[in-house]
Amino acid sequence: MGDPTVEQGLAAIRRRRAQMWAVFLGYLPVIGLTAIVIRRFSVEQDTEQAMLFVALLWMALFAITIIRAGWVRCPRCGKLFHQRVLWGVVTWSNPFTRRCLNCQLPLQRAV
């Protein structure tokens, strides 16, 4: 069994990545449902503006979840989990990595 702090940190990273994917995959269903509701309960002139508002709001939510998922610190080394920084410059970034790009801590720990 590993260090509980490291396990909690990895669980937080997994949770943030799951939130990012949920927002990404939820875009089309939310926009489709919004279109149905708006068309049923509004006049024709407001439909485009309301859809644009909802789409931009969802894109902003997605941007926030990407930032939260991508800028999380590794629980073992304290550096950014998804980015390798060298001399203050991001030299490599991989949002899909399964290991810390700095200390190679695996995201899925063997139990």
PDB file of N, CA and C in Angstrom:
ATOM      1  N   MET A   1       0.837  -1.177   0.000  1.00  0.00           N
ATOM      2  CA  MET A   1       0.000   0.000   0.000  1.00  0.00           C
ATOM      3  C   MET A   1       0.883   1.243   0.000  1.00  0.00           C
ATOM      4  N   GLY A   2       0.526   2.248  -0.792  1.00  0.00           N
ATOM      5  CA  GLY A   2       1.348   3.440  -0.931  1.00  0.00           C
ATOM      6  C   GLY A   2       1.030   4.498   0.105  1.00  0.00           C
ATOM      7  N   ASP A   3       1.682   5.604  -0.049  1.00  0.00           N
ATOM      8  CA  ASP A   3       1.483   6.762   0.814  1.00  0.00           C
ATOM      9  C   ASP A   3       0.061   7.298   0.612  1.00  0.00           C
ATOM     10  N   PRO A   4      -0.719   7.519   1.696  1.00  0.00           N
ATOM     11  CA  PRO A   4      -2.091   7.995   1.533  1.00  0.00           C
ATOM     12  C   PRO A   4      -2.177   9.377   0.878  1.00  0.00           C
ATOM     13  N   THR A   5      -1.190  10.226   1.107  1.00  0.00           N
ATOM     14  CA  THR A   5      -1.207  11.546   0.475  1.00  0.00           C
ATOM     15  C   THR A   5      -1.049  11.431  -1.032  1.00  0.00           C
ATOM     16  N   VAL A   6      -0.177  10.538  -1.459  1.00  0.00           N
ATOM     17  CA  VAL A   6       0.025  10.319  -2.893  1.00  0.00           C
ATOM     18  C   VAL A   6      -1.240   9.736  -3.511  1.00  0.00           C
ATOM     19  N   GLU A   7      -1.858   8.781  -2.821  1.00  0.00           N
ATOM     20  CA  GLU A   7      -3.094   8.173  -3.333  1.00  0.00           C
ATOM     21  C   GLU A   7      -4.209   9.215  -3.452  1.00  0.00           C
ATOM     22  N   GLN A   8      -4.332  10.100  -2.476  1.00  0.00           N
ATOM     23  CA  GLN A   8      -5.344  11.160  -2.535  1.00  0.00           C
ATOM     24  C   GLN A   8      -5.054  12.123  -3.679  1.00  0.00           C
ATOM     25  N   GLY A   9      -3.786  12.432  -3.883  1.00  0.00           N
ATOM     26  CA  GLY A   9      -3.405  13.318  -4.982  1.00  0.00           C
ATOM     27  C   GLY A   9      -3.713  12.711  -6.339  1.00  0.00           C
ATOM     28  N   LEU A  10      -3.423  11.413  -6.485  1.00  0.00           N
ATOM     29  CA  LEU A  10      -3.730  10.732  -7.742  1.00  0.00           C
ATOM     30  C   LEU A  10      -5.235  10.650  -7.967  1.00  0.00           C
ATOM     31  N   ALA A  11      -5.994  10.434  -6.894  1.00  0.00           N
ATOM     32  CA  ALA A  11      -7.457  10.401  -7.013  1.00  0.00           C
ATOM     33  C   ALA A  11      -7.985  11.763  -7.462  1.00  0.00           C
ATOM     34  N   ALA A  12      -7.386  12.837  -6.973  1.00  0.00           N
ATOM     35  CA  ALA A  12      -7.797  14.183  -7.389  1.00  0.00           C
ATOM     36  C   ALA A  12      -7.491  14.415  -8.863  1.00  0.00           C
ATOM     37  N   ILE A  13      -6.342  13.933  -9.327  1.00  0.00           N
ATOM     38  CA  ILE A  13      -5.989  14.072 -10.740  1.00  0.00           C
ATOM     39  C   ILE A  13      -6.976  13.288 -11.601  1.00  0.00           C
ATOM     40  N   ARG A  14      -7.286  12.068 -11.198  1.00  0.00           N
ATOM     41  CA  ARG A  14      -8.249  11.257 -11.953  1.00  0.00           C
ATOM     42  C   ARG A  14      -9.625  11.907 -11.970  1.00  0.00           C
ATOM     43  N   ARG A  15     -10.042  12.486 -10.845  1.00  0.00           N
ATOM     44  CA  ARG A  15     -11.341  13.159 -10.760  1.00  0.00           C
ATOM     45  C   ARG A  15     -11.396  14.371 -11.699  1.00  0.00           C
ATOM     46  N   ARG A  16     -10.343  15.158 -11.725  1.00  0.00           N
ATOM     47  CA  ARG A  16     -10.322  16.326 -12.615  1.00  0.00           C
ATOM     48  C   ARG A  16     -10.336  15.913 -14.079  1.00  0.00           C
ATOM     49  N   ARG A  17      -9.633  14.840 -14.408  1.00  0.00           N
ATOM     50  CA  ARG A  17      -9.644  14.358 -15.790  1.00  0.00           C
ATOM     51  C   ARG A  17     -11.025  13.830 -16.163  1.00  0.00           C
ATOM     52  N   ALA A  18     -11.695  13.157 -15.242  1.00  0.00           N
ATOM     53  CA  ALA A  18     -13.056  12.658 -15.501  1.00  0.00           C
ATOM     54  C   ALA A  18     -14.028  13.817 -15.702  1.00  0.00           C
ATOM     55  N   GLN A  19     -13.869  14.880 -14.927  1.00  0.00           N
ATOM     56  CA  GLN A  19     -14.721  16.062 -15.107  1.00  0.00           C
ATOM     57  C   GLN A  19     -14.498  16.681 -16.486  1.00  0.00           C
ATOM     58  N   MET A  20     -13.235  16.748 -16.908  1.00  0.00           N
ATOM     59  CA  MET A  20     -12.930  17.303 -18.220  1.00  0.00           C
ATOM     60  C   MET A  20     -13.615  16.493 -19.319  1.00  0.00           C
ATOM     61  N   TRP A  21     -13.516  15.169 -19.253  1.00  0.00           N
ATOM     62  CA  TRP A  21     -14.137  14.323 -20.268  1.00  0.00           C
ATOM     63  C   TRP A  21     -15.655  14.407 -20.215  1.00  0.00           C
ATOM     64  N   ALA A  22     -16.233  14.526 -19.021  1.00  0.00           N
ATOM     65  CA  ALA A  22     -17.689  14.644 -18.907  1.00  0.00           C
ATOM     66  C   ALA A  22     -18.188  15.930 -19.563  1.00  0.00           C
ATOM     67  N   VAL A  23     -17.466  17.023 -19.348  1.00  0.00           N
ATOM     68  CA  VAL A  23     -17.867  18.285 -19.974  1.00  0.00           C
ATOM     69  C   VAL A  23     -17.679  18.206 -21.487  1.00  0.00           C
ATOM     70  N   PHE A  24     -16.586  17.606 -21.929  1.00  0.00           N
ATOM     71  CA  PHE A  24     -16.327  17.476 -23.365  1.00  0.00           C
ATOM     72  C   PHE A  24     -17.408  16.633 -24.041  1.00  0.00           C
ATOM     73  N   LEU A  25     -17.703  15.471 -23.484  1.00  0.00           N
ATOM     74  CA  LEU A  25     -18.680  14.576 -24.100  1.00  0.00           C
ATOM     75  C   LEU A  25     -20.123  15.050 -23.904  1.00  0.00           C
ATOM     76  N   GLY A  26     -20.345  15.910 -22.932  1.00  0.00           N
ATOM     77  CA  GLY A  26     -21.691  16.419 -22.683  1.00  0.00           C
ATOM     78  C   GLY A  26     -22.086  17.597 -23.543  1.00  0.00           C
ATOM     79  N   TYR A  27     -21.155  18.133 -24.330  1.00  0.00           N
ATOM     80  CA  TYR A  27     -21.444  19.331 -25.131  1.00  0.00           C
ATOM     81  C   TYR A  27     -22.609  19.113 -26.101  1.00  0.00           C
ATOM     82  N   LEU A  28     -22.516  18.120 -26.941  1.00  0.00           N
ATOM     83  CA  LEU A  28     -23.564  17.907 -27.948  1.00  0.00           C
ATOM     84  C   LEU A  28     -24.921  17.572 -27.328  1.00  0.00           C
ATOM     85  N   PRO A  29     -25.007  16.677 -26.334  1.00  0.00           N
ATOM     86  CA  PRO A  29     -26.317  16.448 -25.719  1.00  0.00           C
ATOM     87  C   PRO A  29     -26.915  17.693 -25.069  1.00  0.00           C
ATOM     88  N   VAL A  30     -26.098  18.478 -24.402  1.00  0.00           N
ATOM     89  CA  VAL A  30     -26.600  19.696 -23.754  1.00  0.00           C
ATOM     90  C   VAL A  30     -27.069  20.703 -24.799  1.00  0.00           C
ATOM     91  N   ILE A  31     -26.306  20.879 -25.858  1.00  0.00           N
ATOM     92  CA  ILE A  31     -26.701  21.822 -26.908  1.00  0.00           C
ATOM     93  C   ILE A  31     -27.977  21.337 -27.598  1.00  0.00           C
ATOM     94  N   GLY A  32     -28.070  20.030 -27.854  1.00  0.00           N
ATOM     95  CA  GLY A  32     -29.276  19.491 -28.481  1.00  0.00           C
ATOM     96  C   GLY A  32     -30.503  19.664 -27.611  1.00  0.00           C
ATOM     97  N   LEU A  33     -30.387  19.369 -26.326  1.00  0.00           N
ATOM     98  CA  LEU A  33     -31.504  19.536 -25.405  1.00  0.00           C
ATOM     99  C   LEU A  33     -31.895  21.008 -25.271  1.00  0.00           C
ATOM    100  N   THR A  34     -30.904  21.868 -25.226  1.00  0.00           N
ATOM    101  CA  THR A  34     -31.167  23.305 -25.161  1.00  0.00           C
ATOM    102  C   THR A  34     -31.904  23.779 -26.400  1.00  0.00           C
ATOM    103  N   ALA A  35     -31.517  23.300 -27.562  1.00  0.00           N
ATOM    104  CA  ALA A  35     -32.193  23.688 -28.800  1.00  0.00           C
ATOM    105  C   ALA A  35     -33.663  23.268 -28.780  1.00  0.00           C
ATOM    106  N   ILE A  36     -33.916  22.057 -28.293  1.00  0.00           N
ATOM    107  CA  ILE A  36     -35.307  21.588 -28.222  1.00  0.00           C
ATOM    108  C   ILE A  36     -36.122  22.451 -27.272  1.00  0.00           C
ATOM    109  N   VAL A  37     -35.573  22.736 -26.100  1.00  0.00           N
ATOM    110  CA  VAL A  37     -36.294  23.545 -25.113  1.00  0.00           C
ATOM    111  C   VAL A  37     -36.517  24.962 -25.626  1.00  0.00           C
ATOM    112  N   ILE A  38     -35.493  25.557 -26.223  1.00  0.00           N
ATOM    113  CA  ILE A  38     -35.622  26.933 -26.706  1.00  0.00           C
ATOM    114  C   ILE A  38     -36.629  27.013 -27.842  1.00  0.00           C
ATOM    115  N   ARG A  39     -36.595  26.080 -28.752  1.00  0.00           N
ATOM    116  CA  ARG A  39     -37.553  26.110 -29.863  1.00  0.00           C
ATOM    117  C   ARG A  39     -38.979  25.926 -29.392  1.00  0.00           C
ATOM    118  N   ARG A  40     -39.163  25.166 -28.333  1.00  0.00           N
ATOM    119  CA  ARG A  40     -40.517  24.926 -27.841  1.00  0.00           C
ATOM    120  C   ARG A  40     -41.083  26.119 -27.087  1.00  0.00           C
ATOM    121  N   PHE A  41     -40.234  26.823 -26.335  1.00  0.00           N
ATOM    122  CA  PHE A  41     -40.728  27.863 -25.435  1.00  0.00           C
ATOM    123  C   PHE A  41     -40.332  29.289 -25.797  1.00  0.00           C
ATOM    124  N   SER A  42     -39.766  29.530 -26.951  1.00  0.00           N
ATOM    125  CA  SER A  42     -39.376  30.909 -27.273  1.00  0.00           C
ATOM    126  C   SER A  42     -39.817  31.272 -28.682  1.00  0.00           C
ATOM    127  N   VAL A  43     -39.723  32.555 -28.961  1.00  0.00           N
ATOM    128  CA  VAL A  43     -40.038  33.029 -30.304  1.00  0.00           C
ATOM    129  C   VAL A  43     -38.831  32.829 -31.202  1.00  0.00           C
ATOM    130  N   GLU A  44     -39.027  32.861 -32.491  1.00  0.00           N
ATOM    131  CA  GLU A  44     -37.987  32.517 -33.462  1.00  0.00           C
ATOM    132  C   GLU A  44     -36.767  33.443 -33.395  1.00  0.00           C
ATOM    133  N   GLN A  45     -36.951  34.723 -33.096  1.00  0.00           N
ATOM    134  CA  GLN A  45     -35.832  35.664 -33.101  1.00  0.00           C
ATOM    135  C   GLN A  45     -34.836  35.387 -31.968  1.00  0.00           C
ATOM    136  N   ASP A  46     -35.299  34.848 -30.865  1.00  0.00           N
ATOM    137  CA  ASP A  46     -34.422  34.634 -29.710  1.00  0.00           C
ATOM    138  C   ASP A  46     -33.637  33.329 -29.778  1.00  0.00           C
ATOM    139  N   THR A  47     -33.978  32.446 -30.679  1.00  0.00           N
ATOM    140  CA  THR A  47     -33.375  31.121 -30.721  1.00  0.00           C
ATOM    141  C   THR A  47     -31.869  31.175 -30.966  1.00  0.00           C
ATOM    142  N   GLU A  48     -31.456  31.915 -31.966  1.00  0.00           N
ATOM    143  CA  GLU A  48     -30.027  31.964 -32.298  1.00  0.00           C
ATOM    144  C   GLU A  48     -29.203  32.584 -31.183  1.00  0.00           C
ATOM    145  N   GLN A  49     -29.690  33.664 -30.603  1.00  0.00           N
ATOM    146  CA  GLN A  49     -28.947  34.322 -29.534  1.00  0.00           C
ATOM    147  C   GLN A  49     -28.849  33.435 -28.292  1.00  0.00           C
ATOM    148  N   ALA A  50     -29.937  32.767 -27.968  1.00  0.00           N
ATOM    149  CA  ALA A  50     -29.920  31.888 -26.796  1.00  0.00           C
ATOM    150  C   ALA A  50     -28.971  30.706 -27.025  1.00  0.00           C
ATOM    151  N   MET A  51     -28.995  30.139 -28.216  1.00  0.00           N
ATOM    152  CA  MET A  51     -28.102  29.015 -28.511  1.00  0.00           C
ATOM    153  C   MET A  51     -26.640  29.455 -28.476  1.00  0.00           C
ATOM    154  N   LEU A  52     -26.362  30.630 -29.000  1.00  0.00           N
ATOM    155  CA  LEU A  52     -25.002  31.155 -28.966  1.00  0.00           C
ATOM    156  C   LEU A  52     -24.541  31.362 -27.524  1.00  0.00           C
ATOM    157  N   PHE A  53     -25.423  31.893 -26.698  1.00  0.00           N
ATOM    158  CA  PHE A  53     -25.097  32.116 -25.296  1.00  0.00           C
ATOM    159  C   PHE A  53     -24.777  30.800 -24.591  1.00  0.00           C
ATOM    160  N   VAL A  54     -25.614  29.790 -24.774  1.00  0.00           N
ATOM    161  CA  VAL A  54     -25.403  28.493 -24.128  1.00  0.00           C
ATOM    162  C   VAL A  54     -24.124  27.844 -24.647  1.00  0.00           C
ATOM    163  N   ALA A  55     -23.884  27.916 -25.949  1.00  0.00           N
ATOM    164  CA  ALA A  55     -22.673  27.317 -26.524  1.00  0.00           C
ATOM    165  C   ALA A  55     -21.413  27.993 -25.983  1.00  0.00           C
ATOM    166  N   LEU A  56     -21.409  29.310 -25.917  1.00  0.00           N
ATOM    167  CA  LEU A  56     -20.240  30.019 -25.385  1.00  0.00           C
ATOM    168  C   LEU A  56     -20.038  29.746 -23.899  1.00  0.00           C
ATOM    169  N   LEU A  57     -21.131  29.654 -23.164  1.00  0.00           N
ATOM    170  CA  LEU A  57     -21.043  29.331 -21.748  1.00  0.00           C
ATOM    171  C   LEU A  57     -20.453  27.935 -21.546  1.00  0.00           C
ATOM    172  N   TRP A  58     -20.884  26.976 -22.372  1.00  0.00           N
ATOM    173  CA  TRP A  58     -20.360  25.616 -22.254  1.00  0.00           C
ATOM    174  C   TRP A  58     -18.884  25.556 -22.660  1.00  0.00           C
ATOM    175  N   MET A  59     -18.505  26.318 -23.658  1.00  0.00           N
ATOM    176  CA  MET A  59     -17.098  26.351 -24.064  1.00  0.00           C
ATOM    177  C   MET A  59     -16.227  26.959 -22.970  1.00  0.00           C
ATOM    178  N   ALA A  60     -16.746  27.970 -22.285  1.00  0.00           N
ATOM    179  CA  ALA A  60     -15.999  28.556 -21.167  1.00  0.00           C
ATOM    180  C   ALA A  60     -15.852  27.542 -20.034  1.00  0.00           C
ATOM    181  N   LEU A  61     -16.916  26.783 -19.769  1.00  0.00           N
ATOM    182  CA  LEU A  61     -16.840  25.728 -18.757  1.00  0.00           C
ATOM    183  C   LEU A  61     -15.797  24.684 -19.146  1.00  0.00           C
ATOM    184  N   PHE A  62     -15.760  24.327 -20.420  1.00  0.00           N
ATOM    185  CA  PHE A  62     -14.771  23.362 -20.899  1.00  0.00           C
ATOM    186  C   PHE A  62     -13.351  23.906 -20.744  1.00  0.00           C
ATOM    187  N   ALA A  63     -13.159  25.167 -21.055  1.00  0.00           N
ATOM    188  CA  ALA A  63     -11.833  25.777 -20.897  1.00  0.00           C
ATOM    189  C   ALA A  63     -11.392  25.743 -19.431  1.00  0.00           C
ATOM    190  N   ILE A  64     -12.315  26.006 -18.526  1.00  0.00           N
ATOM    191  CA  ILE A  64     -11.985  25.984 -17.100  1.00  0.00           C
ATOM    192  C   ILE A  64     -11.610  24.572 -16.665  1.00  0.00           C
ATOM    193  N   THR A  65     -12.358  23.565 -17.125  1.00  0.00           N
ATOM    194  CA  THR A  65     -12.038  22.192 -16.728  1.00  0.00           C
ATOM    195  C   THR A  65     -10.713  21.721 -17.328  1.00  0.00           C
ATOM    196  N   ILE A  66     -10.390  22.185 -18.533  1.00  0.00           N
ATOM    197  CA  ILE A  66      -9.099  21.835 -19.130  1.00  0.00           C
ATOM    198  C   ILE A  66      -7.955  22.437 -18.315  1.00  0.00           C
ATOM    199  N   ILE A  67      -8.104  23.676 -17.921  1.00  0.00           N
ATOM    200  CA  ILE A  67      -7.069  24.333 -17.126  1.00  0.00           C
ATOM    201  C   ILE A  67      -6.907  23.627 -15.782  1.00  0.00           C
ATOM    202  N   ARG A  68      -8.022  23.304 -15.146  1.00  0.00           N
ATOM    203  CA  ARG A  68      -7.962  22.604 -13.852  1.00  0.00           C
ATOM    204  C   ARG A  68      -7.323  21.227 -13.990  1.00  0.00           C
ATOM    205  N   ALA A  69      -7.641  20.512 -15.065  1.00  0.00           N
ATOM    206  CA  ALA A  69      -7.088  19.169 -15.244  1.00  0.00           C
ATOM    207  C   ALA A  69      -5.623  19.219 -15.667  1.00  0.00           C
ATOM    208  N   GLY A  70      -5.252  20.209 -16.434  1.00  0.00           N
ATOM    209  CA  GLY A  70      -3.896  20.270 -16.964  1.00  0.00           C
ATOM    210  C   GLY A  70      -2.874  20.887 -16.041  1.00  0.00           C
ATOM    211  N   TRP A  71      -3.312  21.695 -15.103  1.00  0.00           N
ATOM    212  CA  TRP A  71      -2.377  22.377 -14.223  1.00  0.00           C
ATOM    213  C   TRP A  71      -2.435  21.842 -12.808  1.00  0.00           C
ATOM    214  N   VAL A  72      -2.512  20.541 -12.683  1.00  0.00           N
ATOM    215  CA  VAL A  72      -2.527  19.923 -11.364  1.00  0.00           C
ATOM    216  C   VAL A  72      -1.116  19.440 -11.037  1.00  0.00           C
ATOM    217  N   ARG A  73      -0.755  19.538  -9.792  1.00  0.00           N
ATOM    218  CA  ARG A  73       0.595  19.177  -9.372  1.00  0.00           C
ATOM    219  C   ARG A  73       0.662  17.694  -8.999  1.00  0.00           C
ATOM    220  N   CYS A  74       1.800  17.110  -9.268  1.00  0.00           N
ATOM    221  CA  CYS A  74       2.057  15.718  -8.926  1.00  0.00           C
ATOM    222  C   CYS A  74       2.147  15.605  -7.400  1.00  0.00           C
ATOM    223  N   PRO A  75       1.499  14.614  -6.810  1.00  0.00           N
ATOM    224  CA  PRO A  75       1.550  14.495  -5.349  1.00  0.00           C
ATOM    225  C   PRO A  75       2.909  14.023  -4.824  1.00  0.00           C
ATOM    226  N   ARG A  76       3.741  13.466  -5.691  1.00  0.00           N
ATOM    227  CA  ARG A  76       5.049  12.982  -5.233  1.00  0.00           C
ATOM    228  C   ARG A  76       6.141  14.034  -5.411  1.00  0.00           C
ATOM    229  N   CYS A  77       6.274  14.601  -6.607  1.00  0.00           N
ATOM    230  CA  CYS A  77       7.384  15.538  -6.844  1.00  0.00           C
ATOM    231  C   CYS A  77       6.977  17.007  -6.725  1.00  0.00           C
ATOM    232  N   GLY A  78       5.679  17.296  -6.759  1.00  0.00           N
ATOM    233  CA  GLY A  78       5.207  18.673  -6.613  1.00  0.00           C
ATOM    234  C   GLY A  78       5.248  19.499  -7.881  1.00  0.00           C
ATOM    235  N   LYS A  79       5.723  18.904  -8.985  1.00  0.00           N
ATOM    236  CA  LYS A  79       5.752  19.624 -10.259  1.00  0.00           C
ATOM    237  C   LYS A  79       4.445  19.370 -11.005  1.00  0.00           C
ATOM    238  N   LEU A  80       4.234  20.093 -12.095  1.00  0.00           N
ATOM    239  CA  LEU A  80       3.012  19.904 -12.873  1.00  0.00           C
ATOM    240  C   LEU A  80       2.980  18.495 -13.457  1.00  0.00           C
ATOM    241  N   PHE A  81       1.863  17.783 -13.247  1.00  0.00           N
ATOM    242  CA  PHE A  81       1.761  16.378 -13.636  1.00  0.00           C
ATOM    243  C   PHE A  81       1.806  16.206 -15.149  1.00  0.00           C
ATOM    244  N   HIS A  82       1.099  17.071 -15.879  1.00  0.00           N
ATOM    245  CA  HIS A  82       0.953  16.913 -17.333  1.00  0.00           C
ATOM    246  C   HIS A  82       1.941  17.749 -18.145  1.00  0.00           C
ATOM    247  N   GLN A  83       2.844  18.447 -17.481  1.00  0.00           N
ATOM    248  CA  GLN A  83       3.765  19.327 -18.197  1.00  0.00           C
ATOM    249  C   GLN A  83       5.182  19.150 -17.672  1.00  0.00           C
ATOM    250  N   ARG A  84       6.123  19.226 -18.577  1.00  0.00           N
ATOM    251  CA  ARG A  84       7.528  19.230 -18.196  1.00  0.00           C
ATOM    252  C   ARG A  84       8.031  20.661 -18.375  1.00  0.00           C
ATOM    253  N   VAL A  85       8.525  21.225 -17.295  1.00  0.00           N
ATOM    254  CA  VAL A  85       9.018  22.601 -17.299  1.00  0.00           C
ATOM    255  C   VAL A  85      10.522  22.575 -17.106  1.00  0.00           C
ATOM    256  N   LEU A  86      11.219  23.257 -17.994  1.00  0.00           N
ATOM    257  CA  LEU A  86      12.664  23.322 -17.921  1.00  0.00           C
ATOM    258  C   LEU A  86      13.077  24.786 -18.002  1.00  0.00           C
ATOM    259  N   TRP A  87      13.755  25.277 -16.991  1.00  0.00           N
ATOM    260  CA  TRP A  87      14.184  26.673 -16.905  1.00  0.00           C
ATOM    261  C   TRP A  87      13.021  27.645 -17.045  1.00  0.00           C
ATOM    262  N   GLY A  88      11.892  27.307 -16.474  1.00  0.00           N
ATOM    263  CA  GLY A  88      10.735  28.191 -16.478  1.00  0.00           C
ATOM    264  C   GLY A  88       9.912  28.173 -17.747  1.00  0.00           C
ATOM    265  N   VAL A  89      10.248  27.290 -18.678  1.00  0.00           N
ATOM    266  CA  VAL A  89       9.536  27.214 -19.955  1.00  0.00           C
ATOM    267  C   VAL A  89       8.935  25.814 -20.090  1.00  0.00           C
ATOM    268  N   VAL A  90       7.662  25.746 -20.503  1.00  0.00           N
ATOM    269  CA  VAL A  90       7.038  24.447 -20.734  1.00  0.00           C
ATOM    270  C   VAL A  90       7.665  23.848 -21.984  1.00  0.00           C
ATOM    271  N   THR A  91       8.398  22.748 -21.804  1.00  0.00           N
ATOM    272  CA  THR A  91       9.064  22.122 -22.944  1.00  0.00           C
ATOM    273  C   THR A  91       8.233  20.984 -23.529  1.00  0.00           C
ATOM    274  N   TRP A  92       7.338  20.428 -22.718  1.00  0.00           N
ATOM    275  CA  TRP A  92       6.507  19.333 -23.211  1.00  0.00           C
ATOM    276  C   TRP A  92       5.227  19.305 -22.392  1.00  0.00           C
ATOM    277  N   SER A  93       4.104  19.091 -23.056  1.00  0.00           N
ATOM    278  CA  SER A  93       2.820  18.997 -22.381  1.00  0.00           C
ATOM    279  C   SER A  93       2.018  17.872 -23.015  1.00  0.00           C
ATOM    280  N   ASN A  94       1.434  17.024 -22.189  1.00  0.00           N
ATOM    281  CA  ASN A  94       0.636  15.908 -22.684  1.00  0.00           C
ATOM    282  C   ASN A  94      -0.550  15.708 -21.745  1.00  0.00           C
ATOM    283  N   PRO A  95      -1.749  16.159 -22.143  1.00  0.00           N
ATOM    284  CA  PRO A  95      -2.909  16.031 -21.255  1.00  0.00           C
ATOM    285  C   PRO A  95      -3.408  14.596 -21.120  1.00  0.00           C
ATOM    286  N   PHE A  96      -2.924  13.686 -21.956  1.00  0.00           N
ATOM    287  CA  PHE A  96      -3.384  12.299 -21.922  1.00  0.00           C
ATOM    288  C   PHE A  96      -2.382  11.351 -21.269  1.00  0.00           C
ATOM    289  N   THR A  97      -1.320  11.895 -20.702  1.00  0.00           N
ATOM    290  CA  THR A  97      -0.283  11.046 -20.128  1.00  0.00           C
ATOM    291  C   THR A  97      -0.824  10.240 -18.947  1.00  0.00           C
ATOM    292  N   ARG A  98      -0.291   9.062 -18.784  1.00  0.00           N
ATOM    293  CA  ARG A  98      -0.684   8.215 -17.668  1.00  0.00           C
ATOM    294  C   ARG A  98       0.392   8.196 -16.582  1.00  0.00           C
ATOM    295  N   ARG A  99       1.446   8.968 -16.797  1.00  0.00           N
ATOM    296  CA  ARG A  99       2.527   9.099 -15.820  1.00  0.00           C
ATOM    297  C   ARG A  99       2.905  10.570 -15.692  1.00  0.00           C
ATOM    298  N   CYS A 100       3.400  10.924 -14.525  1.00  0.00           N
ATOM    299  CA  CYS A 100       3.919  12.274 -14.330  1.00  0.00           C
ATOM    300  C   CYS A 100       5.063  12.478 -15.313  1.00  0.00           C
ATOM    301  N   LEU A 101       5.076  13.575 -15.998  1.00  0.00           N
ATOM    302  CA  LEU A 101       6.124  13.821 -16.984  1.00  0.00           C
ATOM    303  C   LEU A 101       7.455  14.176 -16.335  1.00  0.00           C
ATOM    304  N   ASN A 102       7.473  14.332 -15.014  1.00  0.00           N
ATOM    305  CA  ASN A 102       8.702  14.692 -14.330  1.00  0.00           C
ATOM    306  C   ASN A 102       9.292  13.527 -13.531  1.00  0.00           C
ATOM    307  N   CYS A 103       8.472  12.875 -12.689  1.00  0.00           N
ATOM    308  CA  CYS A 103       9.004  11.793 -11.839  1.00  0.00           C
ATOM    309  C   CYS A 103       8.494  10.413 -12.245  1.00  0.00           C
ATOM    310  N   GLN A 104       7.679  10.336 -13.289  1.00  0.00           N
ATOM    311  CA  GLN A 104       7.164   9.071 -13.834  1.00  0.00           C
ATOM    312  C   GLN A 104       6.217   8.332 -12.884  1.00  0.00           C
ATOM    313  N   LEU A 105       5.589   9.030 -11.946  1.00  0.00           N
ATOM    314  CA  LEU A 105       4.591   8.414 -11.055  1.00  0.00           C
ATOM    315  C   LEU A 105       3.390   8.000 -11.893  1.00  0.00           C
ATOM    316  N   PRO A 106       2.999   6.704 -11.875  1.00  0.00           N
ATOM    317  CA  PRO A 106       1.858   6.277 -12.682  1.00  0.00           C
ATOM    318  C   PRO A 106       0.544   6.780 -12.088  1.00  0.00           C
ATOM    319  N   LEU A 107      -0.381   7.140 -12.965  1.00  0.00           N
ATOM    320  CA  LEU A 107      -1.683   7.626 -12.534  1.00  0.00           C
ATOM    321  C   LEU A 107      -2.495   6.513 -11.885  1.00  0.00           C
ATOM    322  N   GLN A 108      -2.418   5.327 -12.442  1.00  0.00           N
ATOM    323  CA  GLN A 108      -3.107   4.160 -11.874  1.00  0.00           C
ATOM    324  C   GLN A 108      -2.086   3.362 -11.076  1.00  0.00           C
ATOM    325  N   ARG A 109      -2.171   3.447  -9.770  1.00  0.00           N
ATOM    326  CA  ARG A 109      -1.221   2.727  -8.912  1.00  0.00           C
ATOM    327  C   ARG A 109      -1.605   1.266  -8.817  1.00  0.00           C
ATOM    328  N   ALA A 110      -0.620   0.393  -8.845  1.00  0.00           N
ATOM    329  CA  ALA A 110      -0.855  -1.045  -8.641  1.00  0.00           C
ATOM    330  C   ALA A 110      -1.134  -1.281  -7.166  1.00  0.00           C
ATOM    331  N   VAL A 111      -2.212  -1.972  -6.897  1.00  0.00           N
ATOM    332  CA  VAL A 111      -2.610  -2.180  -5.498  1.00  0.00           C
ATOM    333  C   VAL A 111      -1.939  -3.391  -4.916  1.00  0.00           C
TER     334      VAL A 111
END
